[in-house]
Amino acid sequence: MRRAVFPGSFDPITLGHVDIIERGLPLFDEIILAIGTNSSKKYLFSLEKRLEFLENTFKNEPKIKVTTYSGLTVDFCKEIEAKFLLRGLRNGIDLEFEKAIGQTNYKMEEIETVFLIASSGLEHISSTVVRDVMQHGGKYEFMVPDEVRK
């Protein structure tokens, strides 16, 4: 089984995430959306709410599972027998950052990272931007799936 993990905080999930996940579906038998937990990080949405956003956004897609994990992503991948990580790239900065992590993950546990380039028109969207806009009362609806808009 070709199982991939798409790790993230998903605080909140964006249309950029949805784009990468949907485009990754034909490549894998299963994609695990894994919310990493980090007690030192301050989140806008609770873990329960982020799980709900993901589960509801992909409720009709049987190839997608949603879970949480703590610790190293490669250890989680090994635990669930996933050989791939799925990551999105918006720009050259993402590439350099993700490349270093991907190379380290491969050296540690031979986990391959599959990079998909953000679709045109979505490369400006990040959870950080969405959170900032939301917290300041701006228009964010065009950057998130329906489940977050509710």
Protein backbone atom coordinates (compact mmCIF):
# COMPACT_ATOMS: atom_id res chain seq x y z
CA MET A 1 0.00 0.00 0.00
CA ARG A 2 1.31 3.43 -0.93
CA ARG A 3 0.52 5.41 2.22
CA ALA A 4 1.49 9.07 2.57
CA VAL A 5 1.40 11.39 5.53
CA PHE A 6 0.54 15.05 5.03
CA PRO A 7 1.66 16.58 8.34
CA GLY A 8 0.79 20.05 9.56
CA SER A 9 -0.83 22.16 12.22
CA PHE A 10 -3.77 22.99 9.90
CA ASP A 11 -4.52 26.10 11.97
CA PRO A 12 -6.72 26.40 9.94
CA ILE A 13 -6.80 24.21 6.84
CA THR A 14 -6.64 26.37 3.71
CA LEU A 15 -7.59 25.96 0.07
CA GLY A 16 -3.85 25.57 -0.57
CA HIS A 17 -3.83 22.47 1.66
CA VAL A 18 -6.97 21.15 -0.05
CA ASP A 19 -5.37 21.63 -3.48
CA ILE A 20 -2.26 19.60 -2.57
CA ILE A 21 -4.26 16.87 -0.83
CA GLU A 22 -6.71 16.44 -3.71
CA ARG A 23 -3.90 16.38 -6.28
CA GLY A 24 -2.05 13.83 -4.16
CA LEU A 25 -4.98 11.39 -4.10
CA PRO A 26 -4.18 9.71 -7.45
CA LEU A 27 -0.58 9.13 -6.29
CA PHE A 28 -1.35 7.21 -3.11
CA ASP A 29 -3.68 4.51 -1.85
CA GLU A 30 -4.15 6.43 1.40
CA ILE A 31 -3.28 9.88 2.69
CA ILE A 32 -3.08 10.45 6.43
CA LEU A 33 -3.73 14.06 7.41
CA ALA A 34 -1.69 14.23 10.61
CA ILE A 35 -2.01 17.17 12.96
CA GLY A 36 1.23 17.54 14.83
CA THR A 37 0.83 18.55 18.46
CA ASN A 38 3.29 20.95 20.00
CA SER A 39 2.53 22.11 23.55
CA SER A 40 4.80 25.15 23.20
CA LYS A 41 2.95 26.51 20.15
CA LYS A 42 -0.08 28.77 20.51
CA TYR A 43 -2.92 27.88 18.15
CA LEU A 44 -5.91 29.94 17.06
CA PHE A 45 -8.16 26.86 16.86
CA SER A 46 -8.32 24.00 19.35
CA LEU A 47 -7.04 20.58 18.33
CA GLU A 48 -10.63 19.30 18.36
CA LYS A 49 -11.76 22.08 16.01
CA ARG A 50 -8.86 21.47 13.60
CA LEU A 51 -9.68 17.74 13.55
CA GLU A 52 -13.33 18.62 12.84
CA PHE A 53 -12.34 20.96 9.97
CA LEU A 54 -10.27 18.20 8.33
CA GLU A 55 -12.77 15.40 8.91
CA ASN A 56 -15.68 17.43 7.56
CA THR A 57 -13.76 18.79 4.58
CA PHE A 58 -12.84 15.26 3.44
CA LYS A 59 -15.80 13.27 4.80
CA ASN A 60 -16.62 11.91 1.34
CA GLU A 61 -13.08 10.78 0.51
CA PRO A 62 -12.41 7.21 1.74
CA LYS A 63 -8.69 7.40 0.91
CA ILE A 64 -8.15 10.13 3.51
CA LYS A 65 -7.75 9.48 7.23
CA VAL A 66 -7.32 12.17 9.89
CA THR A 67 -5.31 11.79 13.10
CA THR A 68 -2.92 13.52 15.48
CA TYR A 69 0.62 12.73 16.51
CA SER A 70 3.42 14.08 18.65
CA GLY A 71 7.16 13.78 18.30
CA LEU A 72 9.11 13.39 15.09
CA THR A 73 7.11 13.02 11.91
CA VAL A 74 9.41 10.23 10.68
CA ASP A 75 8.73 8.25 13.87
CA PHE A 76 5.00 8.61 13.25
CA CYS A 77 5.48 7.50 9.62
CA LYS A 78 7.41 4.44 10.77
CA GLU A 79 4.75 3.62 13.37
CA ILE A 80 1.94 3.60 10.78
CA GLU A 81 4.10 2.12 7.99
CA ALA A 82 3.93 5.16 5.73
CA LYS A 83 6.83 5.42 3.28
CA PHE A 84 5.97 8.87 1.91
CA LEU A 85 5.42 12.41 3.08
CA LEU A 86 3.30 14.73 0.95
CA ARG A 87 4.25 18.41 1.01
CA GLY A 88 3.21 21.50 -0.91
CA LEU A 89 5.54 24.17 -2.22
CA ARG A 90 4.40 27.76 -2.69
CA ASN A 91 7.73 29.39 -3.48
CA GLY A 92 11.51 29.06 -3.39
CA ILE A 93 11.64 29.68 0.35
CA ASP A 94 9.32 26.70 0.93
CA LEU A 95 11.51 24.61 -1.38
CA GLU A 96 14.71 25.32 0.56
CA PHE A 97 13.04 24.72 3.92
CA GLU A 98 11.20 21.54 2.86
CA LYS A 99 14.21 20.18 0.96
CA ALA A 100 16.35 20.23 4.11
CA ILE A 101 13.64 18.50 6.13
CA GLY A 102 13.01 15.96 3.35
CA GLN A 103 16.68 15.08 3.07
CA THR A 104 16.95 14.68 6.84
CA ASN A 105 13.85 12.49 6.98
CA TYR A 106 15.26 10.27 4.24
CA LYS A 107 18.60 9.91 6.03
CA MET A 108 16.85 9.09 9.30
CA GLU A 109 14.20 6.59 8.16
CA GLU A 110 14.23 6.41 4.34
CA ILE A 111 10.94 8.29 4.18
CA GLU A 112 10.55 9.84 0.71
CA THR A 113 9.04 13.30 0.41
CA VAL A 114 6.80 14.01 -2.58
CA PHE A 115 6.53 17.71 -3.37
CA LEU A 116 3.63 19.22 -5.29
CA ILE A 117 3.79 22.81 -6.47
CA ALA A 118 0.87 25.01 -5.41
CA SER A 119 -1.67 25.58 -8.15
CA SER A 120 -1.71 28.98 -9.78
CA GLY A 121 -3.71 31.44 -7.75
CA LEU A 122 -3.22 29.59 -4.45
CA GLU A 123 0.48 30.17 -3.80
CA HIS A 124 -0.17 33.25 -1.65
CA ILE A 125 -2.32 31.35 0.86
CA SER A 126 -0.86 30.19 4.16
CA SER A 127 -2.41 29.40 7.53
CA THR A 128 -0.36 32.24 9.02
CA VAL A 129 -1.90 34.77 6.61
CA VAL A 130 -5.40 33.37 7.19
CA ARG A 131 -5.02 33.55 10.98
CA ASP A 132 -3.76 37.13 10.81
CA VAL A 133 -6.63 38.22 8.56
CA MET A 134 -9.19 36.41 10.76
CA GLN A 135 -7.86 37.93 13.97
CA HIS A 136 -8.11 41.40 12.49
CA GLY A 137 -11.63 41.01 11.09
CA GLY A 138 -10.60 40.89 7.43
CA LYS A 139 -12.04 38.89 4.55
CA TYR A 140 -10.56 35.39 4.71
CA GLU A 141 -13.37 33.32 3.19
CA PHE A 142 -11.71 33.05 -0.24
CA MET A 143 -8.72 31.25 1.31
CA VAL A 144 -10.43 28.46 3.27
CA PRO A 145 -12.80 25.55 2.61
CA ASP A 146 -16.49 25.72 3.51
CA GLU A 147 -15.96 23.95 6.85
CA VAL A 148 -13.81 26.82 8.13
CA ARG A 149 -16.17 29.49 6.76
CA LYS A 150 -19.04 28.10 8.84
